[in-house]
Amino acid sequence: MSFNKDARRQKIRYRIRKKIQGTAEKPRLAVYRSNTDIYVQVINDVDGVTLASASSMEKSKKKAKVNKSEQAVLVGKKIAELATSKGITEVSFDRGGYLYHGRVKSLADAAREGGLKF
C-alpha cells in the first residue's frame, strides 16, 4: 500500500462519495483544486449530467491579478450565479477529498453568499 498524498485523497474521495449523491432536486457541487487553478461543477449523478461548471481558467478570472484564494471566491460567485439561473438553489457539497479550509472554504463561502444552500 502506498502512502502518498494522492492515494490518501482518493480514499477520502471514495468515503465522501459513498454518502453524497447528486440528484435533479439537489445536485452535487464537486470541487477540484490543482496547484494553480480551482474548478467546480454542479452534477446530477442520477442522469450523469453536469448542469453547470466554472473555473479559474476562464479568461476574465485569469486577467484579474489576484491570489488563489481570491480566485476561488470569484469562481464560487460564478457557480452560484450559473446555478441559480438554472433554478438550482440547494446542492450537496463535495469537497473532493480536500480539507475544508483555504481555497475550498473560500469557494464554499462565496457560493453560499451567491444564494446556494448546502
PDB file of N, CA and C in Angstrom:
ATOM      1  N   MET A   1       0.854  -1.193   0.000  1.00  0.00           N
ATOM      2  CA  MET A   1       0.000   0.000   0.000  1.00  0.00           C
ATOM      3  C   MET A   1       0.883   1.234   0.000  1.00  0.00           C
ATOM      4  N   SER A   2       0.604   2.140  -0.913  1.00  0.00           N
ATOM      5  CA  SER A   2       1.427   3.343  -0.984  1.00  0.00           C
ATOM      6  C   SER A   2       0.851   4.421  -0.067  1.00  0.00           C
ATOM      7  N   PHE A   3       1.750   5.148   0.525  1.00  0.00           N
ATOM      8  CA  PHE A   3       1.340   6.199   1.448  1.00  0.00           C
ATOM      9  C   PHE A   3       1.693   7.558   0.858  1.00  0.00           C
ATOM     10  N   ASN A   4       1.090   7.878  -0.277  1.00  0.00           N
ATOM     11  CA  ASN A   4       1.313   9.201  -0.830  1.00  0.00           C
ATOM     12  C   ASN A   4       0.036  10.029  -0.731  1.00  0.00           C
ATOM     13  N   LYS A   5       0.173  11.314  -1.017  1.00  0.00           N
ATOM     14  CA  LYS A   5      -0.963  12.220  -0.848  1.00  0.00           C
ATOM     15  C   LYS A   5      -2.129  11.879  -1.759  1.00  0.00           C
ATOM     16  N   ASP A   6      -1.813  11.494  -3.002  1.00  0.00           N
ATOM     17  CA  ASP A   6      -2.881  11.199  -3.963  1.00  0.00           C
ATOM     18  C   ASP A   6      -3.711   9.986  -3.541  1.00  0.00           C
ATOM     19  N   ALA A   7      -3.034   8.938  -3.068  1.00  0.00           N
ATOM     20  CA  ALA A   7      -3.751   7.736  -2.629  1.00  0.00           C
ATOM     21  C   ALA A   7      -4.616   8.047  -1.410  1.00  0.00           C
ATOM     22  N   ARG A   8      -4.088   8.840  -0.496  1.00  0.00           N
ATOM     23  CA  ARG A   8      -4.837   9.227   0.699  1.00  0.00           C
ATOM     24  C   ARG A   8      -6.091  10.019   0.314  1.00  0.00           C
ATOM     25  N   ARG A   9      -5.915  10.994  -0.607  1.00  0.00           N
ATOM     26  CA  ARG A   9      -7.038  11.818  -1.048  1.00  0.00           C
ATOM     27  C   ARG A   9      -8.072  10.960  -1.777  1.00  0.00           C
ATOM     28  N   GLN A  10      -7.620   9.983  -2.550  1.00  0.00           N
ATOM     29  CA  GLN A  10      -8.538   9.108  -3.277  1.00  0.00           C
ATOM     30  C   GLN A  10      -9.398   8.307  -2.304  1.00  0.00           C
ATOM     31  N   LYS A  11      -8.800   7.799  -1.223  1.00  0.00           N
ATOM     32  CA  LYS A  11      -9.572   7.076  -0.208  1.00  0.00           C
ATOM     33  C   LYS A  11     -10.625   7.972   0.422  1.00  0.00           C
ATOM     34  N   ILE A  12     -10.241   9.209   0.719  1.00  0.00           N
ATOM     35  CA  ILE A  12     -11.183  10.165   1.307  1.00  0.00           C
ATOM     36  C   ILE A  12     -12.307  10.457   0.313  1.00  0.00           C
ATOM     37  N   ARG A  13     -11.971  10.637  -0.975  1.00  0.00           N
ATOM     38  CA  ARG A  13     -12.979  10.902  -2.008  1.00  0.00           C
ATOM     39  C   ARG A  13     -14.003   9.782  -2.072  1.00  0.00           C
ATOM     40  N   TYR A  14     -13.527   8.532  -2.058  1.00  0.00           N
ATOM     41  CA  TYR A  14     -14.446   7.402  -2.111  1.00  0.00           C
ATOM     42  C   TYR A  14     -15.358   7.383  -0.888  1.00  0.00           C
ATOM     43  N   ARG A  15     -14.803   7.689   0.270  1.00  0.00           N
ATOM     44  CA  ARG A  15     -15.594   7.702   1.505  1.00  0.00           C
ATOM     45  C   ARG A  15     -16.675   8.779   1.427  1.00  0.00           C
ATOM     46  N   ILE A  16     -16.324   9.957   0.881  1.00  0.00           N
ATOM     47  CA  ILE A  16     -17.293  11.045   0.738  1.00  0.00           C
ATOM     48  C   ILE A  16     -18.377  10.656  -0.273  1.00  0.00           C
ATOM     49  N   ARG A  17     -17.971  10.059  -1.405  1.00  0.00           N
ATOM     50  CA  ARG A  17     -18.914   9.728  -2.470  1.00  0.00           C
ATOM     51  C   ARG A  17     -19.887   8.624  -2.097  1.00  0.00           C
ATOM     52  N   LYS A  18     -19.538   7.805  -1.081  1.00  0.00           N
ATOM     53  CA  LYS A  18     -20.485   6.802  -0.593  1.00  0.00           C
ATOM     54  C   LYS A  18     -21.696   7.479   0.034  1.00  0.00           C
ATOM     55  N   LYS A  19     -21.472   8.635   0.627  1.00  0.00           N
ATOM     56  CA  LYS A  19     -22.536   9.332   1.352  1.00  0.00           C
ATOM     57  C   LYS A  19     -23.263  10.357   0.495  1.00  0.00           C
ATOM     58  N   ILE A  20     -22.570  10.961  -0.464  1.00  0.00           N
ATOM     59  CA  ILE A  20     -23.129  12.074  -1.233  1.00  0.00           C
ATOM     60  C   ILE A  20     -23.441  11.628  -2.654  1.00  0.00           C
ATOM     61  N   GLN A  21     -24.677  11.876  -3.093  1.00  0.00           N
ATOM     62  CA  GLN A  21     -25.036  11.646  -4.480  1.00  0.00           C
ATOM     63  C   GLN A  21     -25.911  12.789  -4.954  1.00  0.00           C
ATOM     64  N   GLY A  22     -25.598  13.335  -6.107  1.00  0.00           N
ATOM     65  CA  GLY A  22     -26.362  14.443  -6.650  1.00  0.00           C
ATOM     66  C   GLY A  22     -27.598  13.951  -7.380  1.00  0.00           C
ATOM     67  N   THR A  23     -28.713  14.611  -7.145  1.00  0.00           N
ATOM     68  CA  THR A  23     -29.955  14.287  -7.841  1.00  0.00           C
ATOM     69  C   THR A  23     -30.404  15.525  -8.611  1.00  0.00           C
ATOM     70  N   ALA A  24     -31.510  15.412  -9.326  1.00  0.00           N
ATOM     71  CA  ALA A  24     -32.017  16.560 -10.072  1.00  0.00           C
ATOM     72  C   ALA A  24     -32.464  17.664  -9.113  1.00  0.00           C
ATOM     73  N   GLU A  25     -33.049  17.274  -7.961  1.00  0.00           N
ATOM     74  CA  GLU A  25     -33.537  18.262  -6.998  1.00  0.00           C
ATOM     75  C   GLU A  25     -32.381  18.880  -6.199  1.00  0.00           C
ATOM     76  N   LYS A  26     -31.394  18.038  -5.856  1.00  0.00           N
ATOM     77  CA  LYS A  26     -30.266  18.504  -5.039  1.00  0.00           C
ATOM     78  C   LYS A  26     -28.971  17.955  -5.640  1.00  0.00           C
ATOM     79  N   PRO A  27     -28.419  18.654  -6.656  1.00  0.00           N
ATOM     80  CA  PRO A  27     -27.211  18.159  -7.304  1.00  0.00           C
ATOM     81  C   PRO A  27     -25.976  18.308  -6.415  1.00  0.00           C
ATOM     82  N   ARG A  28     -24.897  17.673  -6.854  1.00  0.00           N
ATOM     83  CA  ARG A  28     -23.640  17.675  -6.101  1.00  0.00           C
ATOM     84  C   ARG A  28     -22.751  18.797  -6.621  1.00  0.00           C
ATOM     85  N   LEU A  29     -22.198  19.594  -5.714  1.00  0.00           N
ATOM     86  CA  LEU A  29     -21.249  20.660  -6.058  1.00  0.00           C
ATOM     87  C   LEU A  29     -19.850  20.100  -5.820  1.00  0.00           C
ATOM     88  N   ALA A  30     -19.187  19.666  -6.896  1.00  0.00           N
ATOM     89  CA  ALA A  30     -17.890  18.993  -6.801  1.00  0.00           C
ATOM     90  C   ALA A  30     -16.753  19.978  -7.046  1.00  0.00           C
ATOM     91  N   VAL A  31     -15.731  19.920  -6.189  1.00  0.00           N
ATOM     92  CA  VAL A  31     -14.589  20.826  -6.268  1.00  0.00           C
ATOM     93  C   VAL A  31     -13.347  20.036  -6.651  1.00  0.00           C
ATOM     94  N   TYR A  32     -12.565  20.580  -7.582  1.00  0.00           N
ATOM     95  CA  TYR A  32     -11.236  20.052  -7.878  1.00  0.00           C
ATOM     96  C   TYR A  32     -10.252  21.204  -7.767  1.00  0.00           C
ATOM     97  N   ARG A  33      -9.174  20.959  -7.046  1.00  0.00           N
ATOM     98  CA  ARG A  33      -8.182  22.002  -6.786  1.00  0.00           C
ATOM     99  C   ARG A  33      -6.835  21.532  -7.318  1.00  0.00           C
ATOM    100  N   SER A  34      -6.296  22.272  -8.290  1.00  0.00           N
ATOM    101  CA  SER A  34      -4.947  21.964  -8.759  1.00  0.00           C
ATOM    102  C   SER A  34      -3.991  22.962  -8.103  1.00  0.00           C
ATOM    103  N   ASN A  35      -2.707  22.852  -8.433  1.00  0.00           N
ATOM    104  CA  ASN A  35      -1.746  23.788  -7.839  1.00  0.00           C
ATOM    105  C   ASN A  35      -2.013  25.220  -8.250  1.00  0.00           C
ATOM    106  N   THR A  36      -2.473  25.421  -9.480  1.00  0.00           N
ATOM    107  CA  THR A  36      -2.638  26.780  -9.977  1.00  0.00           C
ATOM    108  C   THR A  36      -4.086  27.238 -10.062  1.00  0.00           C
ATOM    109  N   ASP A  37      -5.027  26.310 -10.257  1.00  0.00           N
ATOM    110  CA  ASP A  37      -6.415  26.697 -10.512  1.00  0.00           C
ATOM    111  C   ASP A  37      -7.372  25.920  -9.624  1.00  0.00           C
ATOM    112  N   ILE A  38      -8.650  26.324  -9.690  1.00  0.00           N
ATOM    113  CA  ILE A  38      -9.702  25.621  -8.964  1.00  0.00           C
ATOM    114  C   ILE A  38     -10.904  25.489  -9.906  1.00  0.00           C
ATOM    115  N   TYR A  39     -11.516  24.324  -9.892  1.00  0.00           N
ATOM    116  CA  TYR A  39     -12.624  24.010 -10.782  1.00  0.00           C
ATOM    117  C   TYR A  39     -13.795  23.538  -9.938  1.00  0.00           C
ATOM    118  N   VAL A  40     -15.020  23.848 -10.384  1.00  0.00           N
ATOM    119  CA  VAL A  40     -16.202  23.406  -9.653  1.00  0.00           C
ATOM    120  C   VAL A  40     -17.302  23.056 -10.656  1.00  0.00           C
ATOM    121  N   GLN A  41     -18.039  21.983 -10.356  1.00  0.00           N
ATOM    122  CA  GLN A  41     -19.134  21.547 -11.213  1.00  0.00           C
ATOM    123  C   GLN A  41     -20.363  21.252 -10.371  1.00  0.00           C
ATOM    124  N   VAL A  42     -21.525  21.500 -10.950  1.00  0.00           N
ATOM    125  CA  VAL A  42     -22.792  21.094 -10.354  1.00  0.00           C
ATOM    126  C   VAL A  42     -23.249  19.882 -11.155  1.00  0.00           C
ATOM    127  N   ILE A  43     -23.350  18.712 -10.473  1.00  0.00           N
ATOM    128  CA  ILE A  43     -23.545  17.448 -11.163  1.00  0.00           C
ATOM    129  C   ILE A  43     -24.800  16.734 -10.683  1.00  0.00           C
ATOM    130  N   ASN A  44     -25.573  16.222 -11.644  1.00  0.00           N
ATOM    131  CA  ASN A  44     -26.691  15.320 -11.370  1.00  0.00           C
ATOM    132  C   ASN A  44     -26.159  13.911 -11.607  1.00  0.00           C
ATOM    133  N   ASP A  45     -25.863  13.172 -10.535  1.00  0.00           N
ATOM    134  CA  ASP A  45     -25.264  11.841 -10.662  1.00  0.00           C
ATOM    135  C   ASP A  45     -26.247  10.795 -11.159  1.00  0.00           C
ATOM    136  N   VAL A  46     -27.538  10.984 -10.936  1.00  0.00           N
ATOM    137  CA  VAL A  46     -28.540  10.011 -11.371  1.00  0.00           C
ATOM    138  C   VAL A  46     -28.537   9.910 -12.898  1.00  0.00           C
ATOM    139  N   ASP A  47     -28.527  11.068 -13.572  1.00  0.00           N
ATOM    140  CA  ASP A  47     -28.510  11.093 -15.033  1.00  0.00           C
ATOM    141  C   ASP A  47     -27.091  11.160 -15.591  1.00  0.00           C
ATOM    142  N   GLY A  48     -26.099  11.406 -14.736  1.00  0.00           N
ATOM    143  CA  GLY A  48     -24.726  11.524 -15.194  1.00  0.00           C
ATOM    144  C   GLY A  48     -24.487  12.767 -16.021  1.00  0.00           C
ATOM    145  N   VAL A  49     -25.056  13.894 -15.582  1.00  0.00           N
ATOM    146  CA  VAL A  49     -25.008  15.130 -16.350  1.00  0.00           C
ATOM    147  C   VAL A  49     -24.412  16.251 -15.507  1.00  0.00           C
ATOM    148  N   THR A  50     -23.519  17.026 -16.125  1.00  0.00           N
ATOM    149  CA  THR A  50     -23.015  18.237 -15.485  1.00  0.00           C
ATOM    150  C   THR A  50     -23.963  19.373 -15.833  1.00  0.00           C
ATOM    151  N   LEU A  51     -24.547  19.995 -14.813  1.00  0.00           N
ATOM    152  CA  LEU A  51     -25.548  21.040 -15.034  1.00  0.00           C
ATOM    153  C   LEU A  51     -24.912  22.412 -15.201  1.00  0.00           C
ATOM    154  N   ALA A  52     -23.804  22.657 -14.494  1.00  0.00           N
ATOM    155  CA  ALA A  52     -23.104  23.933 -14.596  1.00  0.00           C
ATOM    156  C   ALA A  52     -21.662  23.727 -14.159  1.00  0.00           C
ATOM    157  N   SER A  53     -20.767  24.558 -14.687  1.00  0.00           N
ATOM    158  CA  SER A  53     -19.373  24.458 -14.265  1.00  0.00           C
ATOM    159  C   SER A  53     -18.717  25.829 -14.353  1.00  0.00           C
ATOM    160  N   ALA A  54     -17.692  26.005 -13.527  1.00  0.00           N
ATOM    161  CA  ALA A  54     -16.916  27.241 -13.539  1.00  0.00           C
ATOM    162  C   ALA A  54     -15.501  26.905 -13.095  1.00  0.00           C
ATOM    163  N   SER A  55     -14.557  27.728 -13.519  1.00  0.00           N
ATOM    164  CA  SER A  55     -13.178  27.504 -13.102  1.00  0.00           C
ATOM    165  C   SER A  55     -12.413  28.809 -13.142  1.00  0.00           C
ATOM    166  N   SER A  56     -11.244  28.791 -12.525  1.00  0.00           N
ATOM    167  CA  SER A  56     -10.389  29.967 -12.547  1.00  0.00           C
ATOM    168  C   SER A  56      -9.608  30.039 -13.850  1.00  0.00           C
ATOM    169  N   MET A  57      -9.809  29.102 -14.762  1.00  0.00           N
ATOM    170  CA  MET A  57      -9.136  29.106 -16.066  1.00  0.00           C
ATOM    171  C   MET A  57      -9.787  30.096 -17.032  1.00  0.00           C
ATOM    172  N   GLU A  58     -11.009  30.525 -16.741  1.00  0.00           N
ATOM    173  CA  GLU A  58     -11.712  31.438 -17.638  1.00  0.00           C
ATOM    174  C   GLU A  58     -10.934  32.742 -17.759  1.00  0.00           C
ATOM    175  N   LYS A  59     -10.977  33.335 -18.945  1.00  0.00           N
ATOM    176  CA  LYS A  59     -10.145  34.498 -19.239  1.00  0.00           C
ATOM    177  C   LYS A  59     -10.371  35.665 -18.283  1.00  0.00           C
ATOM    178  N   SER A  60     -11.620  35.902 -17.918  1.00  0.00           N
ATOM    179  CA  SER A  60     -11.916  37.037 -17.042  1.00  0.00           C
ATOM    180  C   SER A  60     -11.249  36.867 -15.679  1.00  0.00           C
ATOM    181  N   LYS A  61     -11.121  35.606 -15.220  1.00  0.00           N
ATOM    182  CA  LYS A  61     -10.510  35.368 -13.921  1.00  0.00           C
ATOM    183  C   LYS A  61      -8.992  35.354 -14.015  1.00  0.00           C
ATOM    184  N   LYS A  62      -8.461  34.963 -15.169  1.00  0.00           N
ATOM    185  CA  LYS A  62      -7.009  34.964 -15.352  1.00  0.00           C
ATOM    186  C   LYS A  62      -6.476  36.386 -15.459  1.00  0.00           C
ATOM    187  N   LYS A  63      -7.268  37.288 -16.067  1.00  0.00           N
ATOM    188  CA  LYS A  63      -6.814  38.671 -16.235  1.00  0.00           C
ATOM    189  C   LYS A  63      -6.754  39.400 -14.905  1.00  0.00           C
ATOM    190  N   ALA A  64      -7.683  39.073 -14.010  1.00  0.00           N
ATOM    191  CA  ALA A  64      -7.689  39.714 -12.693  1.00  0.00           C
ATOM    192  C   ALA A  64      -6.474  39.222 -11.914  1.00  0.00           C
ATOM    193  N   LYS A  65      -5.588  40.127 -11.576  1.00  0.00           N
ATOM    194  CA  LYS A  65      -4.366  39.752 -10.857  1.00  0.00           C
ATOM    195  C   LYS A  65      -4.684  39.620  -9.373  1.00  0.00           C
ATOM    196  N   VAL A  66      -5.139  38.428  -8.993  1.00  0.00           N
ATOM    197  CA  VAL A  66      -5.483  38.169  -7.594  1.00  0.00           C
ATOM    198  C   VAL A  66      -4.819  36.864  -7.170  1.00  0.00           C
ATOM    199  N   ASN A  67      -4.743  36.653  -5.869  1.00  0.00           N
ATOM    200  CA  ASN A  67      -4.149  35.400  -5.391  1.00  0.00           C
ATOM    201  C   ASN A  67      -5.155  34.253  -5.535  1.00  0.00           C
ATOM    202  N   LYS A  68      -4.710  33.049  -5.200  1.00  0.00           N
ATOM    203  CA  LYS A  68      -5.535  31.868  -5.463  1.00  0.00           C
ATOM    204  C   LYS A  68      -6.797  31.827  -4.605  1.00  0.00           C
ATOM    205  N   SER A  69      -6.744  32.312  -3.371  1.00  0.00           N
ATOM    206  CA  SER A  69      -7.946  32.333  -2.532  1.00  0.00           C
ATOM    207  C   SER A  69      -8.980  33.293  -3.097  1.00  0.00           C
ATOM    208  N   GLU A  70      -8.519  34.432  -3.601  1.00  0.00           N
ATOM    209  CA  GLU A  70      -9.452  35.388  -4.206  1.00  0.00           C
ATOM    210  C   GLU A  70     -10.019  34.848  -5.513  1.00  0.00           C
ATOM    211  N   GLN A  71      -9.222  34.072  -6.257  1.00  0.00           N
ATOM    212  CA  GLN A  71      -9.734  33.411  -7.451  1.00  0.00           C
ATOM    213  C   GLN A  71     -10.848  32.437  -7.078  1.00  0.00           C
ATOM    214  N   ALA A  72     -10.666  31.707  -5.970  1.00  0.00           N
ATOM    215  CA  ALA A  72     -11.675  30.754  -5.522  1.00  0.00           C
ATOM    216  C   ALA A  72     -12.975  31.474  -5.182  1.00  0.00           C
ATOM    217  N   VAL A  73     -12.877  32.666  -4.601  1.00  0.00           N
ATOM    218  CA  VAL A  73     -14.076  33.453  -4.288  1.00  0.00           C
ATOM    219  C   VAL A  73     -14.803  33.826  -5.579  1.00  0.00           C
ATOM    220  N   LEU A  74     -14.053  34.250  -6.596  1.00  0.00           N
ATOM    221  CA  LEU A  74     -14.670  34.603  -7.879  1.00  0.00           C
ATOM    222  C   LEU A  74     -15.359  33.400  -8.518  1.00  0.00           C
ATOM    223  N   VAL A  75     -14.725  32.229  -8.430  1.00  0.00           N
ATOM    224  CA  VAL A  75     -15.308  31.012  -9.002  1.00  0.00           C
ATOM    225  C   VAL A  75     -16.560  30.620  -8.224  1.00  0.00           C
ATOM    226  N   GLY A  76     -16.543  30.766  -6.899  1.00  0.00           N
ATOM    227  CA  GLY A  76     -17.715  30.460  -6.084  1.00  0.00           C
ATOM    228  C   GLY A  76     -18.900  31.337  -6.431  1.00  0.00           C
ATOM    229  N   LYS A  77     -18.636  32.627  -6.644  1.00  0.00           N
ATOM    230  CA  LYS A  77     -19.715  33.545  -7.026  1.00  0.00           C
ATOM    231  C   LYS A  77     -20.256  33.185  -8.404  1.00  0.00           C
ATOM    232  N   LYS A  78     -19.355  32.816  -9.315  1.00  0.00           N
ATOM    233  CA  LYS A  78     -19.759  32.484 -10.681  1.00  0.00           C
ATOM    234  C   LYS A  78     -20.632  31.226 -10.711  1.00  0.00           C
ATOM    235  N   ILE A  79     -20.250  30.203  -9.954  1.00  0.00           N
ATOM    236  CA  ILE A  79     -21.033  28.959  -9.963  1.00  0.00           C
ATOM    237  C   ILE A  79     -22.399  29.180  -9.321  1.00  0.00           C
ATOM    238  N   ALA A  80     -22.453  30.021  -8.292  1.00  0.00           N
ATOM    239  CA  ALA A  80     -23.744  30.327  -7.664  1.00  0.00           C
ATOM    240  C   ALA A  80     -24.649  31.051  -8.650  1.00  0.00           C
ATOM    241  N   GLU A  81     -24.066  31.968  -9.411  1.00  0.00           N
ATOM    242  CA  GLU A  81     -24.835  32.715 -10.409  1.00  0.00           C
ATOM    243  C   GLU A  81     -25.358  31.778 -11.506  1.00  0.00           C
ATOM    244  N   LEU A  82     -24.494  30.883 -11.994  1.00  0.00           N
ATOM    245  CA  LEU A  82     -24.907  29.942 -13.039  1.00  0.00           C
ATOM    246  C   LEU A  82     -25.974  28.979 -12.535  1.00  0.00           C
ATOM    247  N   ALA A  83     -25.801  28.478 -11.322  1.00  0.00           N
ATOM    248  CA  ALA A  83     -26.749  27.503 -10.776  1.00  0.00           C
ATOM    249  C   ALA A  83     -28.111  28.141 -10.522  1.00  0.00           C
ATOM    250  N   THR A  84     -28.129  29.325  -9.923  1.00  0.00           N
ATOM    251  CA  THR A  84     -29.413  29.973  -9.641  1.00  0.00           C
ATOM    252  C   THR A  84     -30.124  30.362 -10.938  1.00  0.00           C
ATOM    253  N   SER A  85     -29.366  30.685 -11.989  1.00  0.00           N
ATOM    254  CA  SER A  85     -30.008  30.998 -13.273  1.00  0.00           C
ATOM    255  C   SER A  85     -30.680  29.764 -13.872  1.00  0.00           C
ATOM    256  N   LYS A  86     -30.199  28.569 -13.498  1.00  0.00           N
ATOM    257  CA  LYS A  86     -30.818  27.324 -13.976  1.00  0.00           C
ATOM    258  C   LYS A  86     -31.841  26.783 -12.987  1.00  0.00           C
ATOM    259  N   GLY A  87     -32.143  27.550 -11.940  1.00  0.00           N
ATOM    260  CA  GLY A  87     -33.173  27.150 -10.986  1.00  0.00           C
ATOM    261  C   GLY A  87     -32.669  26.238  -9.881  1.00  0.00           C
ATOM    262  N   ILE A  88     -31.369  26.142  -9.702  1.00  0.00           N
ATOM    263  CA  ILE A  88     -30.801  25.297  -8.649  1.00  0.00           C
ATOM    264  C   ILE A  88     -30.472  26.179  -7.447  1.00  0.00           C
ATOM    265  N   THR A  89     -31.100  25.864  -6.309  1.00  0.00           N
ATOM    266  CA  THR A  89     -30.832  26.657  -5.106  1.00  0.00           C
ATOM    267  C   THR A  89     -30.175  25.833  -4.011  1.00  0.00           C
ATOM    268  N   GLU A  90     -30.354  24.509  -4.054  1.00  0.00           N
ATOM    269  CA  GLU A  90     -29.828  23.661  -2.992  1.00  0.00           C
ATOM    270  C   GLU A  90     -28.913  22.603  -3.594  1.00  0.00           C
ATOM    271  N   VAL A  91     -27.719  22.464  -3.026  1.00  0.00           N
ATOM    272  CA  VAL A  91     -26.741  21.484  -3.509  1.00  0.00           C
ATOM    273  C   VAL A  91     -26.133  20.750  -2.326  1.00  0.00           C
ATOM    274  N   SER A  92     -25.533  19.586  -2.602  1.00  0.00           N
ATOM    275  CA  SER A  92     -24.736  18.912  -1.574  1.00  0.00           C
ATOM    276  C   SER A  92     -23.267  19.132  -1.937  1.00  0.00           C
ATOM    277  N   PHE A  93     -22.473  19.547  -0.984  1.00  0.00           N
ATOM    278  CA  PHE A  93     -21.091  19.966  -1.218  1.00  0.00           C
ATOM    279  C   PHE A  93     -20.151  18.778  -1.166  1.00  0.00           C
ATOM    280  N   ASP A  94     -19.388  18.586  -2.226  1.00  0.00           N
ATOM    281  CA  ASP A  94     -18.386  17.529  -2.310  1.00  0.00           C
ATOM    282  C   ASP A  94     -17.022  18.198  -2.369  1.00  0.00           C
ATOM    283  N   ARG A  95     -16.294  18.140  -1.268  1.00  0.00           N
ATOM    284  CA  ARG A  95     -15.005  18.835  -1.199  1.00  0.00           C
ATOM    285  C   ARG A  95     -13.895  18.080  -1.907  1.00  0.00           C
ATOM    286  N   GLY A  96     -14.190  16.918  -2.460  1.00  0.00           N
ATOM    287  CA  GLY A  96     -13.248  16.192  -3.293  1.00  0.00           C
ATOM    288  C   GLY A  96     -12.038  15.649  -2.571  1.00  0.00           C
ATOM    289  N   GLY A  97     -12.153  15.386  -1.290  1.00  0.00           N
ATOM    290  CA  GLY A  97     -11.032  14.845  -0.533  1.00  0.00           C
ATOM    291  C   GLY A  97     -10.098  15.897   0.024  1.00  0.00           C
ATOM    292  N   TYR A  98     -10.364  17.156  -0.273  1.00  0.00           N
ATOM    293  CA  TYR A  98      -9.531  18.241   0.249  1.00  0.00           C
ATOM    294  C   TYR A  98     -10.046  18.659   1.609  1.00  0.00           C
ATOM    295  N   LEU A  99      -9.158  19.188   2.438  1.00  0.00           N
ATOM    296  CA  LEU A  99      -9.577  19.710   3.727  1.00  0.00           C
ATOM    297  C   LEU A  99     -10.443  20.946   3.511  1.00  0.00           C
ATOM    298  N   TYR A 100     -11.413  21.145   4.396  1.00  0.00           N
ATOM    299  CA  TYR A 100     -12.327  22.285   4.264  1.00  0.00           C
ATOM    300  C   TYR A 100     -11.687  23.519   4.901  1.00  0.00           C
ATOM    301  N   HIS A 101     -10.682  24.058   4.209  1.00  0.00           N
ATOM    302  CA  HIS A 101     -10.094  25.323   4.616  1.00  0.00           C
ATOM    303  C   HIS A 101      -9.386  25.907   3.413  1.00  0.00           C
ATOM    304  N   GLY A 102      -8.940  27.136   3.511  1.00  0.00           N
ATOM    305  CA  GLY A 102      -8.222  27.758   2.401  1.00  0.00           C
ATOM    306  C   GLY A 102      -9.126  28.004   1.211  1.00  0.00           C
ATOM    307  N   ARG A 103      -8.656  27.570   0.046  1.00  0.00           N
ATOM    308  CA  ARG A 103      -9.382  27.842  -1.202  1.00  0.00           C
ATOM    309  C   ARG A 103     -10.730  27.147  -1.256  1.00  0.00           C
ATOM    310  N   VAL A 104     -10.820  25.935  -0.717  1.00  0.00           N
ATOM    311  CA  VAL A 104     -12.087  25.200  -0.744  1.00  0.00           C
ATOM    312  C   VAL A 104     -13.133  25.923   0.108  1.00  0.00           C
ATOM    313  N   LYS A 105     -12.719  26.394   1.270  1.00  0.00           N
ATOM    314  CA  LYS A 105     -13.628  27.120   2.158  1.00  0.00           C
ATOM    315  C   LYS A 105     -14.035  28.456   1.541  1.00  0.00           C
ATOM    316  N   SER A 106     -13.082  29.160   0.912  1.00  0.00           N
ATOM    317  CA  SER A 106     -13.382  30.434   0.264  1.00  0.00           C
ATOM    318  C   SER A 106     -14.426  30.255  -0.836  1.00  0.00           C
ATOM    319  N   LEU A 107     -14.255  29.198  -1.636  1.00  0.00           N
ATOM    320  CA  LEU A 107     -15.198  28.914  -2.705  1.00  0.00           C
ATOM    321  C   LEU A 107     -16.586  28.616  -2.133  1.00  0.00           C
ATOM    322  N   ALA A 108     -16.637  27.791  -1.091  1.00  0.00           N
ATOM    323  CA  ALA A 108     -17.921  27.418  -0.488  1.00  0.00           C
ATOM    324  C   ALA A 108     -18.627  28.629   0.105  1.00  0.00           C
ATOM    325  N   ASP A 109     -17.883  29.483   0.806  1.00  0.00           N
ATOM    326  CA  ASP A 109     -18.494  30.670   1.405  1.00  0.00           C
ATOM    327  C   ASP A 109     -19.037  31.607   0.331  1.00  0.00           C
ATOM    328  N   ALA A 110     -18.289  31.777  -0.754  1.00  0.00           N
ATOM    329  CA  ALA A 110     -18.739  32.650  -1.843  1.00  0.00           C
ATOM    330  C   ALA A 110     -19.977  32.081  -2.522  1.00  0.00           C
ATOM    331  N   ALA A 111     -20.037  30.755  -2.676  1.00  0.00           N
ATOM    332  CA  ALA A 111     -21.220  30.127  -3.278  1.00  0.00           C
ATOM    333  C   ALA A 111     -22.440  30.313  -2.382  1.00  0.00           C
ATOM    334  N   ARG A 112     -22.226  30.216  -1.058  1.00  0.00           N
ATOM    335  CA  ARG A 112     -23.336  30.457  -0.122  1.00  0.00           C
ATOM    336  C   ARG A 112     -23.820  31.894  -0.217  1.00  0.00           C
ATOM    337  N   GLU A 113     -22.887  32.837  -0.286  1.00  0.00           N
ATOM    338  CA  GLU A 113     -23.266  34.249  -0.415  1.00  0.00           C
ATOM    339  C   GLU A 113     -24.023  34.491  -1.724  1.00  0.00           C
ATOM    340  N   GLY A 114     -23.669  33.719  -2.762  1.00  0.00           N
ATOM    341  CA  GLY A 114     -24.335  33.859  -4.053  1.00  0.00           C
ATOM    342  C   GLY A 114     -25.735  33.277  -4.092  1.00  0.00           C
ATOM    343  N   GLY A 115     -26.143  32.576  -3.039  1.00  0.00           N
ATOM    344  CA  GLY A 115     -27.516  32.098  -2.962  1.00  0.00           C
ATOM    345  C   GLY A 115     -27.681  30.586  -2.924  1.00  0.00           C
ATOM    346  N   LEU A 116     -26.586  29.833  -2.969  1.00  0.00           N
ATOM    347  CA  LEU A 116     -26.713  28.376  -2.876  1.00  0.00           C
ATOM    348  C   LEU A 116     -26.815  27.942  -1.427  1.00  0.00           C
ATOM    349  N   LYS A 117     -27.604  26.904  -1.175  1.00  0.00           N
ATOM    350  CA  LYS A 117     -27.755  26.368   0.170  1.00  0.00           C
ATOM    351  C   LYS A 117     -27.147  24.977   0.202  1.00  0.00           C
ATOM    352  N   PHE A 118     -26.253  24.755   1.198  1.00  0.00           N
ATOM    353  CA  PHE A 118     -25.704  23.413   1.433  1.00  0.00           C
ATOM    354  C   PHE A 118     -25.196  23.285   2.836  1.00  0.00           C
TER     355      PHE A 118
END
